[in-house]
């Protein structure tokens, strides 16, 4: 299979990212309107605080279902928006969910306390003891608070991905508990057969999306393709490439620039999932990843034996030529971020300029391959070396290398500090935002 060549999106066409993003916003807005309508039809309580609390509870249930959709890893959404942006939306939706849940508990408790002349703490205890489903809701609330706590940046940096992911699995327990609470005491849920059918549909779609994207599709693809390690090739002292073969790889919908979550099924590694980009465009016969030894997961790759079974989740990511808007491109790589850039250069058509930013020439992994590809495709290749300061990719320097930069799509991948600096440079050079393409490895539970 030859690599897929994606022509730029015509200037008059709506970009795939905009279509997907607008669709998600429209779905959320439409469901919020439906929830509000059903709540109004169910009638209002006499206490204003209880009314506010019920609305907060309904919107929190809707946000919880939306959260599941964002982390379901559905291919259509992921290819158009990207896992990093979906994860970012998931994080902010999570904060909104947390505050609406707090509002639900506080307003309901104070509302009933006002009517019963009990103090709020006693009222909350009474509700938990006497009203079916309230205790389950309280447990769900505690679980969400814990999950929200470990999702903060301070905690996230100190937890291994597997530990953080395991804690996040309790989200599904919280969802089930919250749903049973809604079934037991939700006046809107039981107000009409239409409302009941609606809420069952919302939760069914949300949980079904997670089951499809996170369980069924990965199991099906791995059963179908039977991935195994073909070879392990050192590229430098601390960099290694792993070649993966399997069955029917021409039917695997992978694109240059995308990544997989790789699990190598050995006794000491099967439980580790590591995100590595493809470092060569898929050719229908094999996949290749290239990784730098930056932790236990990547450092152990050089010890893999040919024939080792591989379980891969993906492909993921919107860092592909699907989002091109211009006939010519600028590809900027920093360090091991060269892996998806090298794959993109292989797939992309039109004139390309490639800038590879490294500390020294010995750090330029895959440079020989980039050089050969650039010669074959008529692309310009610039190796930029030196310490981070002074910035070799500041506005003046970058404009000198690529005078027509504002007329090109820019694909950027590298370490976060370098990416942040280059994004600032691109803004100063007035490169239109729709022409800037980048993605960060940011996973949601």
Protein backbone atom coordinates (compact mmCIF):
# COMPACT_ATOMS: atom_id res chain seq x y z
CA UNK A 1 0.00 0.00 0.00
CA UNK A 2 1.33 3.42 -0.90
CA UNK A 3 1.01 6.25 1.56
CA UNK A 4 -2.09 8.43 1.40
CA UNK A 5 -1.58 11.85 -0.13
CA UNK A 6 -3.99 14.45 1.27
CA UNK A 7 -4.60 17.56 -0.83
CA UNK A 8 -5.07 20.78 1.09
CA UNK A 9 -8.58 21.64 2.22
CA UNK A 10 -10.03 24.12 -0.34
CA UNK A 11 -10.20 27.67 1.06
CA UNK A 12 -14.01 27.65 0.80
CA UNK A 13 -14.42 24.31 2.59
CA UNK A 14 -15.24 24.02 6.27
CA UNK A 15 -12.28 22.51 8.07
CA UNK A 16 -12.79 19.04 9.63
CA UNK A 17 -11.82 20.38 13.06
CA UNK A 18 -14.47 23.10 12.86
CA UNK A 19 -17.13 20.61 11.77
CA UNK A 20 -16.39 18.31 14.70
CA UNK A 21 -16.08 21.09 17.28
CA UNK A 22 -19.29 22.78 16.14
CA UNK A 23 -21.04 19.43 16.19
CA UNK A 24 -20.02 18.78 19.79
CA UNK A 25 -21.12 22.24 20.89
CA UNK A 26 -24.44 21.81 19.08
CA UNK A 27 -25.06 18.42 20.69
CA UNK A 28 -24.34 19.79 24.17
CA UNK A 29 -26.51 22.90 23.63
CA UNK A 30 -29.40 20.88 22.20
CA UNK A 31 -29.33 18.45 25.12
CA UNK A 32 -29.16 21.29 27.64
CA UNK A 33 -32.30 22.75 26.02
CA UNK A 34 -34.08 19.37 26.16
CA UNK A 35 -33.12 18.89 29.82
CA UNK A 36 -34.42 22.35 30.65
CA UNK A 37 -37.70 21.66 28.82
CA UNK A 38 -38.29 18.40 30.68
CA UNK A 39 -37.46 20.11 33.99
CA UNK A 40 -40.00 22.86 33.33
CA UNK A 41 -42.64 20.31 32.33
CA UNK A 42 -42.03 18.40 35.58
CA UNK A 43 -42.93 21.48 37.61
CA UNK A 44 -41.09 23.49 40.24
CA UNK A 45 -40.78 22.93 43.96
CA UNK A 46 -42.07 25.65 46.29
CA UNK A 47 -38.55 26.32 47.63
CA UNK A 48 -36.33 28.32 45.26
CA UNK A 49 -33.13 26.74 46.61
CA UNK A 50 -34.45 23.26 45.86
CA UNK A 51 -35.34 24.35 42.32
CA UNK A 52 -31.80 25.66 41.74
CA UNK A 53 -30.37 22.47 43.23
CA UNK A 54 -32.43 20.28 40.93
CA UNK A 55 -31.35 22.21 37.85
CA UNK A 56 -27.71 21.92 38.99
CA UNK A 57 -28.20 18.17 39.39
CA UNK A 58 -29.70 17.79 35.92
CA UNK A 59 -26.93 19.77 34.26
CA UNK A 60 -24.29 17.83 36.20
CA UNK A 61 -25.80 14.57 34.92
CA UNK A 62 -25.62 15.92 31.38
CA UNK A 63 -22.02 17.05 31.87
CA UNK A 64 -21.11 13.62 33.23
CA UNK A 65 -22.50 11.98 30.10
CA UNK A 66 -20.63 14.52 27.94
CA UNK A 67 -17.45 13.69 29.85
CA UNK A 68 -17.79 10.06 28.82
CA UNK A 69 -18.20 11.05 25.18
CA UNK A 70 -15.02 13.15 25.31
CA UNK A 71 -12.91 10.25 26.62
CA UNK A 72 -14.50 7.52 24.51
CA UNK A 73 -11.69 7.85 21.90
CA UNK A 74 -14.13 7.64 19.02
CA UNK A 75 -12.08 7.66 15.79
CA UNK A 76 -14.24 10.23 13.99
CA UNK A 77 -13.80 12.80 16.76
CA UNK A 78 -10.18 11.96 17.50
CA UNK A 79 -9.01 12.35 13.89
CA UNK A 80 -10.65 15.75 13.63
CA UNK A 81 -10.03 17.29 17.05
CA UNK A 82 -7.13 15.30 18.53
CA UNK A 83 -6.82 13.51 21.84
CA UNK A 84 -4.92 16.37 23.46
CA UNK A 85 -7.71 18.89 22.81
CA UNK A 86 -10.42 16.40 23.74
CA UNK A 87 -8.51 15.76 26.95
CA UNK A 88 -8.30 19.48 27.64
CA UNK A 89 -12.05 19.82 27.13
CA UNK A 90 -12.52 16.80 29.37
CA UNK A 91 -10.50 18.52 32.09
CA UNK A 92 -12.49 21.76 31.94
CA UNK A 93 -15.78 19.89 31.70
CA UNK A 94 -14.67 17.98 34.79
CA UNK A 95 -14.23 21.20 36.74
CA UNK A 96 -17.68 22.38 35.59
CA UNK A 97 -19.13 19.03 36.61
CA UNK A 98 -17.52 19.27 40.03
CA UNK A 99 -18.98 22.71 40.71
CA UNK A 100 -22.46 21.82 39.46
CA UNK A 101 -22.42 18.75 41.73
CA UNK A 102 -21.35 20.87 44.69
CA UNK A 103 -24.12 23.31 43.84
CA UNK A 104 -26.63 20.47 43.61
CA UNK A 105 -25.73 19.18 47.08
CA UNK A 106 -25.52 22.61 48.72
CA UNK A 107 -28.74 24.08 47.29
CA UNK A 108 -30.79 20.92 47.84
CA UNK A 109 -29.55 20.54 51.40
CA UNK A 110 -30.08 24.19 52.36
CA UNK A 111 -33.44 24.23 50.60
CA UNK A 112 -34.79 21.25 52.51
CA UNK A 113 -33.19 22.53 55.72
CA UNK A 114 -35.04 25.83 55.29
CA UNK A 115 -38.35 23.97 54.91
CA UNK A 116 -37.78 21.57 57.81
CA UNK A 117 -36.07 24.03 60.21
CA UNK A 118 -33.14 21.58 60.58
CA UNK A 119 -29.52 22.70 60.35
CA UNK A 120 -27.91 21.82 56.98
CA UNK A 121 -25.63 19.07 58.35
CA UNK A 122 -28.50 17.31 60.10
CA UNK A 123 -30.63 17.71 56.99
CA UNK A 124 -27.97 16.14 54.78
CA UNK A 125 -27.61 13.18 57.17
CA UNK A 126 -31.38 12.80 57.27
CA UNK A 127 -31.62 12.77 53.48
CA UNK A 128 -28.90 10.14 53.25
CA UNK A 129 -30.66 7.93 55.80
CA UNK A 130 -34.24 8.29 54.64
CA UNK A 131 -34.27 8.99 50.88
CA UNK A 132 -33.42 6.16 48.52
CA UNK A 133 -30.40 6.82 46.32
CA UNK A 134 -29.01 9.79 48.26
CA UNK A 135 -26.32 7.74 49.97
CA UNK A 136 -25.22 6.35 46.59
CA UNK A 137 -25.05 9.91 45.29
CA UNK A 138 -22.89 10.92 48.25
CA UNK A 139 -20.44 8.11 47.47
CA UNK A 140 -20.37 9.20 43.82
CA UNK A 141 -19.64 12.76 44.95
CA UNK A 142 -16.71 11.62 47.09
CA UNK A 143 -15.29 9.59 44.19
CA UNK A 144 -15.51 12.56 41.84
CA UNK A 145 -13.80 14.80 44.40
CA UNK A 146 -10.94 12.30 44.70
CA UNK A 147 -10.63 11.93 40.92
CA UNK A 148 -10.72 15.71 40.53
CA UNK A 149 -7.95 16.03 43.11
CA UNK A 150 -5.59 13.61 41.34
CA UNK A 151 -6.31 15.34 38.03
CA UNK A 152 -4.75 18.58 39.21
CA UNK A 153 -1.41 19.43 37.63
CA UNK A 154 0.52 19.05 40.90
CA UNK A 155 -0.80 15.54 41.56
CA UNK A 156 -0.76 14.47 37.90
CA UNK A 157 2.98 15.11 37.57
CA UNK A 158 3.72 12.87 40.55
CA UNK A 159 1.64 9.87 39.54
CA UNK A 160 2.56 7.18 37.02
CA UNK A 161 0.12 7.06 34.12
CA UNK A 162 -1.01 3.54 35.13
CA UNK A 163 -1.76 4.67 38.72
CA UNK A 164 -3.61 7.77 37.53
CA UNK A 165 -5.52 5.70 34.98
CA UNK A 166 -6.53 3.11 37.58
CA UNK A 167 -7.91 5.83 39.87
CA UNK A 168 -9.82 7.29 36.92
CA UNK A 169 -11.58 3.96 36.40
CA UNK A 170 -13.61 4.79 39.50
CA UNK A 171 -15.29 7.44 37.35
CA UNK A 172 -17.40 4.67 35.89
CA UNK A 173 -18.43 3.58 39.39
CA UNK A 174 -19.44 7.17 40.12
CA UNK A 175 -21.43 7.30 36.88
CA UNK A 176 -23.39 4.16 37.79
CA UNK A 177 -24.07 5.45 41.30
CA UNK A 178 -25.17 8.85 39.99
CA UNK A 179 -27.47 7.21 37.44
CA UNK A 180 -29.16 5.00 40.04
CA UNK A 181 -29.62 8.11 42.22
CA UNK A 182 -31.28 9.87 39.29
CA UNK A 183 -33.57 6.88 38.67
CA UNK A 184 -34.54 6.69 42.35
CA UNK A 185 -35.28 10.33 43.17
CA UNK A 186 -35.12 12.33 39.93
CA UNK A 187 -38.47 14.01 39.47
CA UNK A 188 -37.57 14.98 35.91
CA UNK A 189 -36.51 11.41 35.13
CA UNK A 190 -39.93 10.03 36.05
CA UNK A 191 -42.07 13.03 35.04
CA UNK A 192 -43.00 11.51 31.68
CA UNK A 193 -42.26 8.50 29.51
CA UNK A 194 -40.48 10.82 27.05
CA UNK A 195 -38.18 12.14 29.79
CA UNK A 196 -37.43 8.61 31.01
CA UNK A 197 -36.65 7.44 27.46
CA UNK A 198 -34.47 10.51 26.88
CA UNK A 199 -32.31 9.95 29.94
CA UNK A 200 -31.91 6.25 29.20
CA UNK A 201 -30.83 7.22 25.67
CA UNK A 202 -28.32 9.81 26.96
CA UNK A 203 -26.66 7.36 29.34
CA UNK A 204 -26.87 4.54 26.81
CA UNK A 205 -25.09 6.58 24.12
CA UNK A 206 -22.47 7.85 26.57
CA UNK A 207 -21.62 4.46 28.07
CA UNK A 208 -21.97 2.75 24.70
CA UNK A 209 -19.46 5.18 23.17
CA UNK A 210 -16.94 4.36 25.90
CA UNK A 211 -17.49 0.64 25.44
CA UNK A 212 -17.08 0.94 21.68
CA UNK A 213 -14.05 3.24 21.62
CA UNK A 214 -12.15 1.96 24.66
CA UNK A 215 -12.94 -1.78 24.61
CA UNK A 216 -14.60 -3.18 21.49
CA UNK A 217 -12.58 -1.36 18.82
CA UNK A 218 -9.11 -1.99 20.39
CA UNK A 219 -9.93 -5.67 20.98
CA UNK A 220 -11.25 -6.07 17.45
CA UNK A 221 -8.26 -4.37 15.82
CA UNK A 222 -5.71 -6.33 17.81
CA UNK A 223 -7.46 -9.62 17.11
CA UNK A 224 -7.63 -8.73 13.43
CA UNK A 225 -4.05 -7.52 12.98
CA UNK A 226 -2.12 -9.82 15.39
CA UNK A 227 0.74 -7.34 15.92
CA UNK A 228 4.24 -8.56 16.75
CA UNK A 229 7.72 -7.07 17.05
CA UNK A 230 9.64 -7.70 13.85
CA UNK A 231 12.93 -6.00 14.75
CA UNK A 232 14.53 -3.59 17.21
CA UNK A 233 17.08 -1.21 15.69
CA UNK A 234 19.24 1.19 17.76
CA UNK A 235 19.32 4.66 16.19
CA UNK A 236 21.63 6.25 18.79
CA UNK A 237 22.95 5.53 22.27
CA UNK A 238 19.59 6.35 23.85
CA UNK A 239 17.18 6.04 20.88
CA UNK A 240 15.69 2.89 19.40
CA UNK A 241 13.28 2.05 16.59
CA UNK A 242 10.83 -0.83 16.89
CA UNK A 243 9.38 -2.37 13.73
CA UNK A 244 5.92 -3.95 14.08
CA UNK A 245 4.34 -6.40 11.65
CA UNK A 246 0.94 -8.04 11.57
CA UNK A 247 -1.93 -9.20 9.39
CA UNK A 248 -3.95 -6.97 7.05
CA UNK A 249 -2.08 -3.81 8.04
CA UNK A 250 -3.26 -2.23 4.80
CA UNK A 251 -6.71 -2.11 6.45
CA UNK A 252 -5.49 -0.34 9.58
CA UNK A 253 -6.63 3.32 9.29
CA UNK A 254 -3.34 4.82 10.47
CA UNK A 255 -1.88 8.05 9.10
CA UNK A 256 1.52 9.67 9.29
CA UNK A 257 1.64 11.93 12.35
CA UNK A 258 -0.58 9.70 14.50
CA UNK A 259 0.38 7.69 17.56
CA UNK A 260 -0.62 4.52 19.36
CA UNK A 261 -0.69 3.47 22.99
CA UNK A 262 1.69 0.51 22.84
CA UNK A 263 1.71 -2.45 25.22
CA UNK A 264 4.44 -5.01 24.68
CA UNK A 265 3.15 -8.28 26.12
CA UNK A 266 6.14 -9.49 28.08
CA UNK A 267 6.06 -10.58 31.70
CA UNK A 268 7.40 -7.29 33.02
CA UNK A 269 5.84 -4.85 30.52
CA UNK A 270 2.30 -5.99 29.62
CA UNK A 271 0.69 -3.55 32.07
CA UNK A 272 2.56 -0.48 30.75
CA UNK A 273 0.95 1.63 28.02
CA UNK A 274 3.25 4.16 26.33
CA UNK A 275 2.25 6.73 23.68
CA UNK A 276 4.71 6.66 20.77
CA UNK A 277 4.21 8.28 17.38
CA UNK A 278 4.75 6.47 14.13
CA UNK A 279 8.15 7.48 12.82
CA UNK A 280 7.43 6.32 9.27
CA UNK A 281 4.29 6.62 7.18
CA UNK A 282 2.31 3.35 7.30
CA UNK A 283 2.97 1.31 4.14
CA UNK A 284 0.49 -1.52 4.68
CA UNK A 285 3.13 -4.06 5.71
CA UNK A 286 4.70 -2.73 8.90
CA UNK A 287 4.59 0.07 11.47
CA UNK A 288 7.57 1.76 13.05
CA UNK A 289 7.95 3.71 16.27
CA UNK A 290 11.10 5.47 17.44
CA UNK A 291 11.59 6.42 21.08
CA UNK A 292 14.17 8.05 23.28
CA UNK A 293 15.06 6.43 26.60
CA UNK A 294 13.30 8.91 28.87
CA UNK A 295 11.82 6.52 31.45
CA UNK A 296 11.44 2.87 32.36
CA UNK A 297 8.92 2.28 29.57
CA UNK A 298 10.94 3.67 26.67
CA UNK A 299 14.32 2.58 28.06
CA UNK A 300 13.26 -1.08 28.00
CA UNK A 301 12.35 -1.08 24.31
CA UNK A 302 15.85 -2.03 23.18
CA UNK A 303 15.50 -5.32 25.08
CA UNK A 304 12.38 -6.46 23.25
CA UNK A 305 12.73 -9.74 21.40
CA UNK A 306 11.48 -10.24 17.81
CA UNK A 307 8.18 -12.09 17.91
CA UNK A 308 6.95 -10.34 21.06
CA UNK A 309 3.18 -9.86 20.90
CA UNK A 310 1.98 -6.24 20.86
CA UNK A 311 -1.35 -4.77 21.96
CA UNK A 312 -1.81 -1.34 20.41
CA UNK A 313 -4.63 1.13 21.03
CA UNK A 314 -5.13 3.58 18.24
CA UNK A 315 -4.31 5.14 15.89
CA UNK A 316 -4.94 8.44 17.68
CA UNK A 317 -4.32 12.07 16.92
CA UNK A 318 -5.25 14.90 14.58
CA UNK A 319 -1.63 15.77 13.72
CA UNK A 320 -2.08 14.66 10.12
CA UNK A 321 -2.15 16.03 6.59
CA UNK A 322 -5.95 15.76 6.76
CA UNK A 323 -5.97 19.28 8.23
CA UNK A 324 -3.86 21.00 5.59
CA UNK A 325 -5.13 24.31 4.25
CA UNK A 326 -2.26 25.37 1.97
CA UNK A 327 -0.39 23.68 -0.90
CA UNK A 328 3.01 24.19 0.78
CA UNK A 329 4.12 23.24 4.27
CA UNK A 330 6.69 23.98 6.96
CA UNK A 331 7.57 21.08 9.27
CA UNK A 332 9.35 22.01 12.52
CA UNK A 333 10.76 19.28 14.77
CA UNK A 334 12.56 19.46 18.07
CA UNK A 335 14.49 16.53 19.52
CA UNK A 336 12.63 13.22 19.37
CA UNK A 337 9.60 15.18 18.14
CA UNK A 338 11.13 14.47 14.75
CA UNK A 339 9.34 11.10 14.64
CA UNK A 340 5.88 12.29 13.47
CA UNK A 341 7.53 15.04 11.39
CA UNK A 342 9.63 12.48 9.52
CA UNK A 343 6.48 10.42 8.86
CA UNK A 344 4.59 13.50 7.66
CA UNK A 345 7.38 14.45 5.26
CA UNK A 346 7.06 11.00 3.70
CA UNK A 347 3.30 11.41 3.16
CA UNK A 348 2.83 15.10 2.43
CA UNK A 349 2.78 16.45 -1.10
CA UNK A 350 3.66 19.93 -2.33
CA UNK A 351 6.82 21.85 -1.51
CA UNK A 352 7.96 21.45 2.11
CA UNK A 353 10.54 23.12 4.30
CA UNK A 354 11.79 21.04 7.25
CA UNK A 355 13.51 22.61 10.26
CA UNK A 356 15.09 20.22 12.75
CA UNK A 357 16.06 21.88 16.04
CA UNK A 358 18.56 20.03 18.28
CA UNK A 359 21.26 20.89 20.78
CA UNK A 360 24.04 19.35 18.67
CA UNK A 361 24.44 17.36 15.48
CA UNK A 362 24.86 14.09 17.38
CA UNK A 363 21.35 14.60 18.77
CA UNK A 364 19.78 14.70 15.30
CA UNK A 365 18.10 11.28 15.33
CA UNK A 366 16.83 10.06 11.93
CA UNK A 367 18.62 12.96 10.22
CA UNK A 368 20.00 10.74 7.45
CA UNK A 369 16.49 9.53 6.66
CA UNK A 370 15.19 13.09 6.65
CA UNK A 371 18.00 14.12 4.31
CA UNK A 372 17.23 11.31 1.85
CA UNK A 373 13.51 12.03 1.95
CA UNK A 374 14.09 15.75 1.43
CA UNK A 375 16.26 15.07 -1.63
CA UNK A 376 13.69 12.65 -3.06
CA UNK A 377 10.78 15.04 -2.57
CA UNK A 378 12.52 18.30 -3.43
CA UNK A 379 12.10 19.63 0.11
CA UNK A 380 14.40 22.04 1.95
CA UNK A 381 16.00 20.69 5.13
CA UNK A 382 17.59 22.93 7.79
CA UNK A 383 19.40 21.52 10.81
CA UNK A 384 19.42 24.17 13.54
CA UNK A 385 21.80 23.47 16.42
CA UNK A 386 22.88 25.22 19.59
CA UNK A 387 21.71 25.89 23.15
CA UNK A 388 18.15 27.10 23.83
CA UNK A 389 19.39 30.64 24.45
CA UNK A 390 19.66 32.61 22.26
CA UNK A 391 16.56 31.29 20.49
CA UNK A 392 17.55 30.03 17.03
CA UNK A 393 13.87 30.04 15.98
CA UNK A 394 13.01 33.60 17.06
CA UNK A 395 10.88 35.64 14.61
CA UNK A 396 13.78 37.18 12.71
CA UNK A 397 15.65 33.89 12.35
CA UNK A 398 12.57 31.87 11.35
CA UNK A 399 11.46 34.48 8.82
CA UNK A 400 14.95 34.40 7.27
CA UNK A 401 14.76 30.62 6.85
CA UNK A 402 11.20 30.63 5.52
CA UNK A 403 10.30 34.03 4.01
CA UNK A 404 6.83 32.84 2.88
CA UNK A 405 5.97 31.27 6.23
CA UNK A 406 2.56 33.00 6.42
CA UNK A 407 1.54 31.19 3.21
CA UNK A 408 2.34 27.72 4.53
CA UNK A 409 0.78 25.16 6.81
CA UNK A 410 3.05 24.75 9.85
CA UNK A 411 3.34 21.37 11.56
CA UNK A 412 5.15 21.56 14.91
CA UNK A 413 6.30 18.82 17.29
CA UNK A 414 8.92 18.91 20.02
CA UNK A 415 9.52 19.40 23.76
CA UNK A 416 6.93 21.69 25.43
CA UNK A 417 9.32 24.65 26.03
CA UNK A 418 10.43 24.61 22.41
CA UNK A 419 6.85 24.29 21.14
CA UNK A 420 5.67 27.17 23.32
CA UNK A 421 8.50 29.37 22.06
CA UNK A 422 7.82 28.54 18.40
CA UNK A 423 4.08 29.09 18.82
CA UNK A 424 4.88 32.56 20.16
CA UNK A 425 7.13 33.17 17.16
CA UNK A 426 4.40 32.09 14.75
CA UNK A 427 1.98 34.54 16.36
CA UNK A 428 4.50 37.37 15.98
CA UNK A 429 4.95 36.46 12.33
CA UNK A 430 1.16 36.62 11.82
CA UNK A 431 0.80 33.02 10.68
CA UNK A 432 -2.97 32.41 10.61
CA UNK A 433 -4.11 30.12 13.40
CA UNK A 434 -5.89 27.63 11.09
CA UNK A 435 -2.52 26.99 9.40
CA UNK A 436 -0.76 25.99 12.66
CA UNK A 437 -0.96 22.30 13.54
CA UNK A 438 0.46 20.76 16.71
CA UNK A 439 -0.47 18.16 19.28
CA UNK A 440 0.70 17.33 22.77
CA UNK A 441 0.62 13.88 24.40
CA UNK A 442 -2.12 14.38 26.96
CA UNK A 443 -4.18 11.36 27.94
CA UNK A 444 -7.48 11.19 29.75
CA UNK A 445 -8.56 8.29 31.90
